[in-house]
Amino acid sequence: MKKLYKSRENKIVAGICGGIGEYYDIDPVVVRVVSVFLLFITGIIPFLLAYLIIYFIVPKNTLSR
């Protein structure tokens, strides 16, 4: 069973976009581009609030390395 973790290798800010990319087996750059698009569509405050919630909910990946 696959689980969603924050990425340790594909990390720019907190590893969330990298972890989502690894979970769905897509390039993390695509997830980052979609995230920036959503940032401008939803507004900065709602996106950052959602990002912070995800940051605290999704665990770190302690299995790799």
Protein backbone atom coordinates (compact mmCIF):
# COMPACT_ATOMS: atom_id res chain seq x y z
CA MET A 1 0.00 0.00 0.00
CA LYS A 2 1.41 3.38 -1.04
CA LYS A 3 1.50 6.23 1.45
CA LEU A 4 1.97 9.94 0.94
CA TYR A 5 5.15 11.33 2.49
CA LYS A 6 7.11 14.56 2.21
CA SER A 7 9.98 13.94 -0.17
CA ARG A 8 13.56 14.07 1.03
CA GLU A 9 15.14 14.09 -2.45
CA ASN A 10 12.72 16.31 -4.42
CA LYS A 11 12.56 19.09 -1.91
CA ILE A 12 12.54 22.84 -2.53
CA VAL A 13 10.41 24.31 0.28
CA ALA A 14 9.05 21.48 2.42
CA GLY A 15 9.00 18.44 0.11
CA ILE A 16 5.24 18.43 -0.30
CA CYS A 17 5.14 18.85 -4.09
CA GLY A 18 7.95 16.31 -4.45
CA GLY A 19 6.06 13.85 -2.27
CA ILE A 20 2.87 14.29 -4.27
CA GLY A 21 4.85 13.75 -7.47
CA GLU A 22 6.43 10.57 -6.10
CA TYR A 23 3.06 9.29 -4.87
CA TYR A 24 1.36 9.72 -8.25
CA ASP A 25 4.53 8.81 -10.19
CA ILE A 26 4.73 12.10 -12.08
CA ASP A 27 7.47 14.68 -12.36
CA PRO A 28 7.54 16.94 -9.29
CA VAL A 29 8.13 19.93 -11.57
CA VAL A 30 4.64 19.42 -13.00
CA VAL A 31 3.20 19.43 -9.48
CA ARG A 32 5.09 22.63 -8.69
CA VAL A 33 3.82 24.34 -11.86
CA VAL A 34 0.24 23.33 -11.02
CA SER A 35 0.80 24.60 -7.47
CA VAL A 36 1.96 28.00 -8.69
CA PHE A 37 -1.06 28.14 -11.02
CA LEU A 38 -3.36 27.33 -8.08
CA LEU A 39 -1.57 29.96 -5.99
CA PHE A 40 -2.61 32.68 -8.42
CA ILE A 41 -6.10 31.29 -9.07
CA THR A 42 -7.13 30.84 -5.42
CA GLY A 43 -5.25 33.78 -4.02
CA ILE A 44 -2.19 33.74 -1.83
CA ILE A 45 -3.80 33.37 1.60
CA PRO A 46 -6.06 30.34 0.87
CA PHE A 47 -3.23 28.52 -0.90
CA LEU A 48 -0.74 29.16 1.88
CA LEU A 49 -3.28 28.06 4.47
CA ALA A 50 -3.86 24.80 2.60
CA TYR A 51 -0.08 24.33 2.17
CA LEU A 52 0.48 24.78 5.91
CA ILE A 53 -2.27 22.30 6.74
CA ILE A 54 -0.72 19.75 4.38
CA TYR A 55 2.72 20.50 5.84
CA PHE A 56 1.56 19.53 9.33
CA ILE A 57 -0.56 16.53 8.28
CA VAL A 58 1.75 14.70 5.85
CA PRO A 59 4.61 12.89 7.63
CA LYS A 60 8.27 12.99 6.66
CA ASN A 61 9.65 10.06 4.70
CA THR A 62 11.93 8.24 7.11
CA LEU A 63 12.14 5.07 5.02
CA SER A 64 14.54 6.25 2.30
CA ARG A 65 18.28 6.92 2.68
